[in-house]
Amino acid sequence: MAMNGNLDNLRSRAIYDAAEYYNCDAIVAATFKIELSDDGAFYNLEMKGFPANFDQDSWHPMEEKDFQWLEVDARYGAYNESEGDVIKTKKK
């Protein structure tokens, strides 16, 4: 399957493959390290996250008390839209 060098495609495929492998509904807090080979022929993608399954018995609409769990600080690796995507070339 061609990813065409699009980072969104690479991330989406990694999440899909991980969810299939772990037989889960979602990968929570996924972070990515993507490197391009020196010759530009392939990507090395490392993803870290937590496999999770939805429990229909405890599913409920979001409440005010849930917001504290969603607060993300850029110091801890949050995506900063102004910086854009970063691809690093693998060093020899």
PDB file of N, CA and C in Angstrom:
ATOM      1  N   MET A   1       0.839  -1.175   0.000  1.00  0.00           N
ATOM      2  CA  MET A   1       0.000   0.000   0.000  1.00  0.00           C
ATOM      3  C   MET A   1       0.887   1.243   0.000  1.00  0.00           C
ATOM      4  N   ALA A   2       0.648   2.152  -0.904  1.00  0.00           N
ATOM      5  CA  ALA A   2       1.457   3.362  -1.028  1.00  0.00           C
ATOM      6  C   ALA A   2       1.029   4.393   0.006  1.00  0.00           C
ATOM      7  N   MET A   3       1.989   4.903   0.743  1.00  0.00           N
ATOM      8  CA  MET A   3       1.709   5.946   1.736  1.00  0.00           C
ATOM      9  C   MET A   3       2.032   7.322   1.154  1.00  0.00           C
ATOM     10  N   ASN A   4       2.735   7.355   0.037  1.00  0.00           N
ATOM     11  CA  ASN A   4       3.066   8.587  -0.686  1.00  0.00           C
ATOM     12  C   ASN A   4       3.801   9.614   0.168  1.00  0.00           C
ATOM     13  N   GLY A   5       4.489   9.169   1.216  1.00  0.00           N
ATOM     14  CA  GLY A   5       5.254  10.080   2.055  1.00  0.00           C
ATOM     15  C   GLY A   5       4.404  11.006   2.900  1.00  0.00           C
ATOM     16  N   ASN A   6       3.105  10.781   2.942  1.00  0.00           N
ATOM     17  CA  ASN A   6       2.211  11.627   3.719  1.00  0.00           C
ATOM     18  C   ASN A   6       2.219  11.152   5.169  1.00  0.00           C
ATOM     19  N   LEU A   7       2.597  12.039   6.094  1.00  0.00           N
ATOM     20  CA  LEU A   7       2.721  11.646   7.498  1.00  0.00           C
ATOM     21  C   LEU A   7       1.399  11.213   8.103  1.00  0.00           C
ATOM     22  N   ASP A   8       0.303  11.837   7.697  1.00  0.00           N
ATOM     23  CA  ASP A   8      -1.007  11.411   8.203  1.00  0.00           C
ATOM     24  C   ASP A   8      -1.302   9.973   7.783  1.00  0.00           C
ATOM     25  N   ASN A   9      -0.954   9.629   6.540  1.00  0.00           N
ATOM     26  CA  ASN A   9      -1.150   8.256   6.064  1.00  0.00           C
ATOM     27  C   ASN A   9      -0.293   7.277   6.861  1.00  0.00           C
ATOM     28  N   LEU A  10       0.964   7.647   7.119  1.00  0.00           N
ATOM     29  CA  LEU A  10       1.866   6.769   7.868  1.00  0.00           C
ATOM     30  C   LEU A  10       1.354   6.540   9.287  1.00  0.00           C
ATOM     31  N   ARG A  11       0.921   7.602   9.934  1.00  0.00           N
ATOM     32  CA  ARG A  11       0.402   7.483  11.306  1.00  0.00           C
ATOM     33  C   ARG A  11      -0.879   6.651  11.328  1.00  0.00           C
ATOM     34  N   SER A  12      -1.784   6.936  10.409  1.00  0.00           N
ATOM     35  CA  SER A  12      -3.060   6.202  10.365  1.00  0.00           C
ATOM     36  C   SER A  12      -2.831   4.716  10.140  1.00  0.00           C
ATOM     37  N   ARG A  13      -1.918   4.387   9.255  1.00  0.00           N
ATOM     38  CA  ARG A  13      -1.638   2.973   8.981  1.00  0.00           C
ATOM     39  C   ARG A  13      -1.023   2.290  10.196  1.00  0.00           C
ATOM     40  N   ALA A  14      -0.129   2.994  10.883  1.00  0.00           N
ATOM     41  CA  ALA A  14       0.488   2.427  12.086  1.00  0.00           C
ATOM     42  C   ALA A  14      -0.555   2.155  13.163  1.00  0.00           C
ATOM     43  N   ILE A  15      -1.482   3.079  13.358  1.00  0.00           N
ATOM     44  CA  ILE A  15      -2.540   2.893  14.352  1.00  0.00           C
ATOM     45  C   ILE A  15      -3.445   1.735  13.949  1.00  0.00           C
ATOM     46  N   TYR A  16      -3.801   1.682  12.674  1.00  0.00           N
ATOM     47  CA  TYR A  16      -4.653   0.593  12.187  1.00  0.00           C
ATOM     48  C   TYR A  16      -3.969  -0.762  12.410  1.00  0.00           C
ATOM     49  N   ASP A  17      -2.696  -0.867  12.012  1.00  0.00           N
ATOM     50  CA  ASP A  17      -1.966  -2.137  12.165  1.00  0.00           C
ATOM     51  C   ASP A  17      -1.846  -2.537  13.633  1.00  0.00           C
ATOM     52  N   ALA A  18      -1.567  -1.573  14.510  1.00  0.00           N
ATOM     53  CA  ALA A  18      -1.443  -1.873  15.936  1.00  0.00           C
ATOM     54  C   ALA A  18      -2.780  -2.326  16.519  1.00  0.00           C
ATOM     55  N   ALA A  19      -3.866  -1.668  16.135  1.00  0.00           N
ATOM     56  CA  ALA A  19      -5.189  -2.046  16.634  1.00  0.00           C
ATOM     57  C   ALA A  19      -5.556  -3.462  16.177  1.00  0.00           C
ATOM     58  N   GLU A  20      -5.204  -3.793  14.955  1.00  0.00           N
ATOM     59  CA  GLU A  20      -5.445  -5.153  14.454  1.00  0.00           C
ATOM     60  C   GLU A  20      -4.602  -6.165  15.239  1.00  0.00           C
ATOM     61  N   TYR A  21      -3.334  -5.852  15.437  1.00  0.00           N
ATOM     62  CA  TYR A  21      -2.402  -6.761  16.116  1.00  0.00           C
ATOM     63  C   TYR A  21      -2.847  -7.032  17.554  1.00  0.00           C
ATOM     64  N   TYR A  22      -3.254  -5.969  18.260  1.00  0.00           N
ATOM     65  CA  TYR A  22      -3.635  -6.105  19.665  1.00  0.00           C
ATOM     66  C   TYR A  22      -5.131  -6.365  19.857  1.00  0.00           C
ATOM     67  N   ASN A  23      -5.871  -6.476  18.752  1.00  0.00           N
ATOM     68  CA  ASN A  23      -7.310  -6.731  18.791  1.00  0.00           C
ATOM     69  C   ASN A  23      -8.006  -5.747  19.740  1.00  0.00           C
ATOM     70  N   CYS A  24      -7.775  -4.463  19.487  1.00  0.00           N
ATOM     71  CA  CYS A  24      -8.349  -3.427  20.345  1.00  0.00           C
ATOM     72  C   CYS A  24      -9.112  -2.407  19.506  1.00  0.00           C
ATOM     73  N   ASP A  25      -9.866  -1.551  20.190  1.00  0.00           N
ATOM     74  CA  ASP A  25     -10.684  -0.546  19.522  1.00  0.00           C
ATOM     75  C   ASP A  25      -9.911   0.725  19.195  1.00  0.00           C
ATOM     76  N   ALA A  26      -8.884   1.026  19.984  1.00  0.00           N
ATOM     77  CA  ALA A  26      -8.156   2.279  19.797  1.00  0.00           C
ATOM     78  C   ALA A  26      -6.753   2.160  20.387  1.00  0.00           C
ATOM     79  N   ILE A  27      -5.868   3.036  19.933  1.00  0.00           N
ATOM     80  CA  ILE A  27      -4.554   3.209  20.533  1.00  0.00           C
ATOM     81  C   ILE A  27      -4.576   4.590  21.176  1.00  0.00           C
ATOM     82  N   VAL A  28      -4.499   4.630  22.496  1.00  0.00           N
ATOM     83  CA  VAL A  28      -4.610   5.876  23.248  1.00  0.00           C
ATOM     84  C   VAL A  28      -3.232   6.504  23.420  1.00  0.00           C
ATOM     85  N   ALA A  29      -3.170   7.823  23.302  1.00  0.00           N
ATOM     86  CA  ALA A  29      -1.948   8.610  23.522  1.00  0.00           C
ATOM     87  C   ALA A  29      -0.809   8.150  22.617  1.00  0.00           C
ATOM     88  N   ALA A  30      -1.130   7.892  21.366  1.00  0.00           N
ATOM     89  CA  ALA A  30      -0.102   7.442  20.420  1.00  0.00           C
ATOM     90  C   ALA A  30       0.887   8.567  20.128  1.00  0.00           C
ATOM     91  N   THR A  31       2.164   8.226  20.180  1.00  0.00           N
ATOM     92  CA  THR A  31       3.233   9.149  19.781  1.00  0.00           C
ATOM     93  C   THR A  31       4.048   8.459  18.701  1.00  0.00           C
ATOM     94  N   PHE A  32       4.662   9.248  17.847  1.00  0.00           N
ATOM     95  CA  PHE A  32       5.357   8.697  16.689  1.00  0.00           C
ATOM     96  C   PHE A  32       6.759   9.267  16.565  1.00  0.00           C
ATOM     97  N   LYS A  33       7.674   8.412  16.137  1.00  0.00           N
ATOM     98  CA  LYS A  33       9.017   8.826  15.736  1.00  0.00           C
ATOM     99  C   LYS A  33       9.172   8.301  14.311  1.00  0.00           C
ATOM    100  N   ILE A  34       9.312   9.217  13.368  1.00  0.00           N
ATOM    101  CA  ILE A  34       9.378   8.834  11.956  1.00  0.00           C
ATOM    102  C   ILE A  34      10.705   9.310  11.395  1.00  0.00           C
ATOM    103  N   GLU A  35      11.464   8.395  10.806  1.00  0.00           N
ATOM    104  CA  GLU A  35      12.748   8.726  10.196  1.00  0.00           C
ATOM    105  C   GLU A  35      12.754   8.261   8.746  1.00  0.00           C
ATOM    106  N   LEU A  36      13.376   9.048   7.913  1.00  0.00           N
ATOM    107  CA  LEU A  36      13.537   8.716   6.501  1.00  0.00           C
ATOM    108  C   LEU A  36      14.936   8.164   6.300  1.00  0.00           C
ATOM    109  N   SER A  37      15.061   7.062   5.549  1.00  0.00           N
ATOM    110  CA  SER A  37      16.386   6.496   5.293  1.00  0.00           C
ATOM    111  C   SER A  37      17.227   7.471   4.477  1.00  0.00           C
ATOM    112  N   ASP A  38      18.546   7.307   4.543  1.00  0.00           N
ATOM    113  CA  ASP A  38      19.457   8.204   3.834  1.00  0.00           C
ATOM    114  C   ASP A  38      19.161   8.274   2.340  1.00  0.00           C
ATOM    115  N   ASP A  39      18.805   7.147   1.743  1.00  0.00           N
ATOM    116  CA  ASP A  39      18.530   7.129   0.306  1.00  0.00           C
ATOM    117  C   ASP A  39      17.085   7.508  -0.028  1.00  0.00           C
ATOM    118  N   GLY A  40      16.273   7.752   1.004  1.00  0.00           N
ATOM    119  CA  GLY A  40      14.885   8.162   0.790  1.00  0.00           C
ATOM    120  C   GLY A  40      13.975   7.039   0.340  1.00  0.00           C
ATOM    121  N   ALA A  41      14.439   5.800   0.438  1.00  0.00           N
ATOM    122  CA  ALA A  41      13.672   4.669  -0.072  1.00  0.00           C
ATOM    123  C   ALA A  41      12.623   4.144   0.916  1.00  0.00           C
ATOM    124  N   PHE A  42      12.816   4.389   2.218  1.00  0.00           N
ATOM    125  CA  PHE A  42      11.855   3.852   3.176  1.00  0.00           C
ATOM    126  C   PHE A  42      11.791   4.724   4.429  1.00  0.00           C
ATOM    127  N   TYR A  43      10.729   4.518   5.194  1.00  0.00           N
ATOM    128  CA  TYR A  43      10.529   5.193   6.473  1.00  0.00           C
ATOM    129  C   TYR A  43      10.682   4.186   7.596  1.00  0.00           C
ATOM    130  N   ASN A  44      11.253   4.618   8.684  1.00  0.00           N
ATOM    131  CA  ASN A  44      11.268   3.833   9.905  1.00  0.00           C
ATOM    132  C   ASN A  44      10.321   4.545  10.866  1.00  0.00           C
ATOM    133  N   LEU A  45       9.234   3.882  11.243  1.00  0.00           N
ATOM    134  CA  LEU A  45       8.228   4.492  12.100  1.00  0.00           C
ATOM    135  C   LEU A  45       8.166   3.724  13.409  1.00  0.00           C
ATOM    136  N   GLU A  46       8.321   4.445  14.506  1.00  0.00           N
ATOM    137  CA  GLU A  46       8.168   3.860  15.831  1.00  0.00           C
ATOM    138  C   GLU A  46       6.971   4.529  16.489  1.00  0.00           C
ATOM    139  N   MET A  47       6.043   3.729  16.961  1.00  0.00           N
ATOM    140  CA  MET A  47       4.849   4.262  17.604  1.00  0.00           C
ATOM    141  C   MET A  47       4.754   3.696  19.007  1.00  0.00           C
ATOM    142  N   LYS A  48       4.388   4.553  19.948  1.00  0.00           N
ATOM    143  CA  LYS A  48       4.138   4.117  21.314  1.00  0.00           C
ATOM    144  C   LYS A  48       2.743   4.581  21.698  1.00  0.00           C
ATOM    145  N   GLY A  49       2.035   3.749  22.430  1.00  0.00           N
ATOM    146  CA  GLY A  49       0.691   4.088  22.868  1.00  0.00           C
ATOM    147  C   GLY A  49       0.126   2.965  23.707  1.00  0.00           C
ATOM    148  N   PHE A  50      -1.138   3.079  24.043  1.00  0.00           N
ATOM    149  CA  PHE A  50      -1.784   2.114  24.907  1.00  0.00           C
ATOM    150  C   PHE A  50      -3.007   1.521  24.218  1.00  0.00           C
ATOM    151  N   PRO A  51      -3.015   0.202  23.969  1.00  0.00           N
ATOM    152  CA  PRO A  51      -4.194  -0.432  23.376  1.00  0.00           C
ATOM    153  C   PRO A  51      -5.382  -0.322  24.332  1.00  0.00           C
ATOM    154  N   ALA A  52      -6.555  -0.023  23.803  1.00  0.00           N
ATOM    155  CA  ALA A  52      -7.747   0.135  24.646  1.00  0.00           C
ATOM    156  C   ALA A  52      -8.978  -0.406  23.929  1.00  0.00           C
ATOM    157  N   ASN A  53      -9.895  -0.907  24.718  1.00  0.00           N
ATOM    158  CA  ASN A  53     -11.188  -1.359  24.214  1.00  0.00           C
ATOM    159  C   ASN A  53     -12.293  -0.578  24.914  1.00  0.00           C
ATOM    160  N   PHE A  54     -13.338  -0.260  24.180  1.00  0.00           N
ATOM    161  CA  PHE A  54     -14.478   0.445  24.749  1.00  0.00           C
ATOM    162  C   PHE A  54     -15.356  -0.535  25.513  1.00  0.00           C
ATOM    163  N   ASP A  55     -15.734  -0.156  26.701  1.00  0.00           N
ATOM    164  CA  ASP A  55     -16.641  -0.937  27.528  1.00  0.00           C
ATOM    165  C   ASP A  55     -18.004  -0.263  27.454  1.00  0.00           C
ATOM    166  N   GLN A  56     -18.936  -0.877  26.771  1.00  0.00           N
ATOM    167  CA  GLN A  56     -20.242  -0.253  26.543  1.00  0.00           C
ATOM    168  C   GLN A  56     -21.003   0.013  27.838  1.00  0.00           C
ATOM    169  N   ASP A  57     -20.723  -0.734  28.896  1.00  0.00           N
ATOM    170  CA  ASP A  57     -21.431  -0.529  30.163  1.00  0.00           C
ATOM    171  C   ASP A  57     -21.001   0.759  30.861  1.00  0.00           C
ATOM    172  N   SER A  58     -19.772   1.202  30.616  1.00  0.00           N
ATOM    173  CA  SER A  58     -19.294   2.407  31.299  1.00  0.00           C
ATOM    174  C   SER A  58     -19.204   3.612  30.359  1.00  0.00           C
ATOM    175  N   TRP A  59     -19.719   3.470  29.143  1.00  0.00           N
ATOM    176  CA  TRP A  59     -19.697   4.566  28.170  1.00  0.00           C
ATOM    177  C   TRP A  59     -20.696   5.633  28.589  1.00  0.00           C
ATOM    178  N   HIS A  60     -20.249   6.907  28.607  1.00  0.00           N
ATOM    179  CA  HIS A  60     -21.144   8.001  28.973  1.00  0.00           C
ATOM    180  C   HIS A  60     -20.682   9.285  28.301  1.00  0.00           C
ATOM    181  N   PRO A  61     -21.566  10.249  28.150  1.00  0.00           N
ATOM    182  CA  PRO A  61     -21.168  11.531  27.568  1.00  0.00           C
ATOM    183  C   PRO A  61     -20.117  12.221  28.447  1.00  0.00           C
ATOM    184  N   MET A  62     -19.280  13.003  27.822  1.00  0.00           N
ATOM    185  CA  MET A  62     -18.240  13.706  28.549  1.00  0.00           C
ATOM    186  C   MET A  62     -18.854  14.690  29.541  1.00  0.00           C
ATOM    187  N   GLU A  63     -18.244  14.748  30.712  1.00  0.00           N
ATOM    188  CA  GLU A  63     -18.685  15.661  31.755  1.00  0.00           C
ATOM    189  C   GLU A  63     -17.548  16.616  32.101  1.00  0.00           C
ATOM    190  N   GLU A  64     -17.861  17.662  32.830  1.00  0.00           N
ATOM    191  CA  GLU A  64     -16.867  18.668  33.213  1.00  0.00           C
ATOM    192  C   GLU A  64     -15.664  18.030  33.904  1.00  0.00           C
ATOM    193  N   LYS A  65     -15.883  17.046  34.763  1.00  0.00           N
ATOM    194  CA  LYS A  65     -14.795  16.413  35.511  1.00  0.00           C
ATOM    195  C   LYS A  65     -13.835  15.647  34.600  1.00  0.00           C
ATOM    196  N   ASP A  66     -14.260  15.322  33.376  1.00  0.00           N
ATOM    197  CA  ASP A  66     -13.407  14.581  32.447  1.00  0.00           C
ATOM    198  C   ASP A  66     -12.367  15.462  31.767  1.00  0.00           C
ATOM    199  N   PHE A  67     -12.574  16.780  31.765  1.00  0.00           N
ATOM    200  CA  PHE A  67     -11.670  17.672  31.050  1.00  0.00           C
ATOM    201  C   PHE A  67     -10.241  17.621  31.568  1.00  0.00           C
ATOM    202  N   GLN A  68     -10.055  17.406  32.866  1.00  0.00           N
ATOM    203  CA  GLN A  68      -8.700  17.384  33.422  1.00  0.00           C
ATOM    204  C   GLN A  68      -7.848  16.290  32.783  1.00  0.00           C
ATOM    205  N   TRP A  69      -8.462  15.217  32.335  1.00  0.00           N
ATOM    206  CA  TRP A  69      -7.715  14.108  31.735  1.00  0.00           C
ATOM    207  C   TRP A  69      -7.310  14.410  30.297  1.00  0.00           C
ATOM    208  N   LEU A  70      -7.911  15.424  29.703  1.00  0.00           N
ATOM    209  CA  LEU A  70      -7.620  15.744  28.315  1.00  0.00           C
ATOM    210  C   LEU A  70      -6.647  16.909  28.151  1.00  0.00           C
ATOM    211  N   GLU A  71      -6.311  17.558  29.254  1.00  0.00           N
ATOM    212  CA  GLU A  71      -5.388  18.678  29.160  1.00  0.00           C
ATOM    213  C   GLU A  71      -4.015  18.161  28.760  1.00  0.00           C
ATOM    214  N   VAL A  72      -3.473  18.776  27.727  1.00  0.00           N
ATOM    215  CA  VAL A  72      -2.174  18.365  27.207  1.00  0.00           C
ATOM    216  C   VAL A  72      -1.264  19.579  27.198  1.00  0.00           C
ATOM    217  N   ASP A  73      -0.050  19.389  27.648  1.00  0.00           N
ATOM    218  CA  ASP A  73       0.922  20.468  27.708  1.00  0.00           C
ATOM    219  C   ASP A  73       2.022  20.179  26.693  1.00  0.00           C
ATOM    220  N   ALA A  74       2.415  21.140  25.916  1.00  0.00           N
ATOM    221  CA  ALA A  74       3.429  20.966  24.875  1.00  0.00           C
ATOM    222  C   ALA A  74       4.748  20.459  25.452  1.00  0.00           C
ATOM    223  N   ARG A  75       4.994  20.703  26.725  1.00  0.00           N
ATOM    224  CA  ARG A  75       6.245  20.209  27.333  1.00  0.00           C
ATOM    225  C   ARG A  75       6.310  18.696  27.324  1.00  0.00           C
ATOM    226  N   TYR A  76       5.164  18.035  27.213  1.00  0.00           N
ATOM    227  CA  TYR A  76       5.126  16.584  27.278  1.00  0.00           C
ATOM    228  C   TYR A  76       4.862  15.941  25.928  1.00  0.00           C
ATOM    229  N   GLY A  77       5.178  16.647  24.852  1.00  0.00           N
ATOM    230  CA  GLY A  77       5.112  16.044  23.534  1.00  0.00           C
ATOM    231  C   GLY A  77       3.845  16.285  22.758  1.00  0.00           C
ATOM    232  N   ALA A  78       3.050  17.250  23.152  1.00  0.00           N
ATOM    233  CA  ALA A  78       1.839  17.547  22.392  1.00  0.00           C
ATOM    234  C   ALA A  78       2.213  18.084  21.016  1.00  0.00           C
ATOM    235  N   TYR A  79       1.381  17.820  20.051  1.00  0.00           N
ATOM    236  CA  TYR A  79       1.608  18.311  18.697  1.00  0.00           C
ATOM    237  C   TYR A  79       1.435  19.819  18.673  1.00  0.00           C
ATOM    238  N   ASN A  80       2.435  20.505  18.150  1.00  0.00           N
ATOM    239  CA  ASN A  80       2.387  21.957  18.042  1.00  0.00           C
ATOM    240  C   ASN A  80       2.161  22.299  16.583  1.00  0.00           C
ATOM    241  N   GLU A  81       0.954  22.733  16.252  1.00  0.00           N
ATOM    242  CA  GLU A  81       0.572  22.981  14.865  1.00  0.00           C
ATOM    243  C   GLU A  81       1.489  23.993  14.183  1.00  0.00           C
ATOM    244  N   SER A  82       1.994  24.982  14.918  1.00  0.00           N
ATOM    245  CA  SER A  82       2.841  26.010  14.314  1.00  0.00           C
ATOM    246  C   SER A  82       4.191  25.452  13.874  1.00  0.00           C
ATOM    247  N   GLU A  83       4.634  24.342  14.489  1.00  0.00           N
ATOM    248  CA  GLU A  83       5.913  23.742  14.112  1.00  0.00           C
ATOM    249  C   GLU A  83       5.756  22.786  12.932  1.00  0.00           C
ATOM    250  N   GLY A  84       4.574  22.299  12.681  1.00  0.00           N
ATOM    251  CA  GLY A  84       4.337  21.376  11.574  1.00  0.00           C
ATOM    252  C   GLY A  84       4.939  20.011  11.830  1.00  0.00           C
ATOM    253  N   ASP A  85       4.933  19.198  10.811  1.00  0.00           N
ATOM    254  CA  ASP A  85       5.478  17.838  10.926  1.00  0.00           C
ATOM    255  C   ASP A  85       6.987  17.861  10.825  1.00  0.00           C
ATOM    256  N   VAL A  86       7.598  16.907  11.482  1.00  0.00           N
ATOM    257  CA  VAL A  86       9.060  16.815  11.476  1.00  0.00           C
ATOM    258  C   VAL A  86       9.464  15.434  10.997  1.00  0.00           C
ATOM    259  N   ILE A  87      10.306  15.393   9.989  1.00  0.00           N
ATOM    260  CA  ILE A  87      10.906  14.134   9.541  1.00  0.00           C
ATOM    261  C   ILE A  87      12.410  14.312   9.659  1.00  0.00           C
ATOM    262  N   LYS A  88      13.047  13.416  10.357  1.00  0.00           N
ATOM    263  CA  LYS A  88      14.494  13.483  10.522  1.00  0.00           C
ATOM    264  C   LYS A  88      15.139  12.432   9.632  1.00  0.00           C
ATOM    265  N   THR A  89      16.240  12.800   9.013  1.00  0.00           N
ATOM    266  CA  THR A  89      16.992  11.854   8.207  1.00  0.00           C
ATOM    267  C   THR A  89      17.881  11.055   9.132  1.00  0.00           C
ATOM    268  N   LYS A  90      17.869   9.753   8.963  1.00  0.00           N
ATOM    269  CA  LYS A  90      18.653   8.867   9.810  1.00  0.00           C
ATOM    270  C   LYS A  90      20.135   9.143   9.611  1.00  0.00           C
ATOM    271  N   LYS A  91      20.858   9.275  10.713  1.00  0.00           N
ATOM    272  CA  LYS A  91      22.288   9.552  10.656  1.00  0.00           C
ATOM    273  C   LYS A  91      23.066   8.270  10.458  1.00  0.00           C
ATOM    274  N   LYS A  92      24.203   8.377   9.786  1.00  0.00           N
ATOM    275  CA  LYS A  92      25.050   7.194   9.555  1.00  0.00           C
ATOM    276  C   LYS A  92      25.866   6.875  10.781  1.00  0.00           C
TER     277      LYS A  92
END
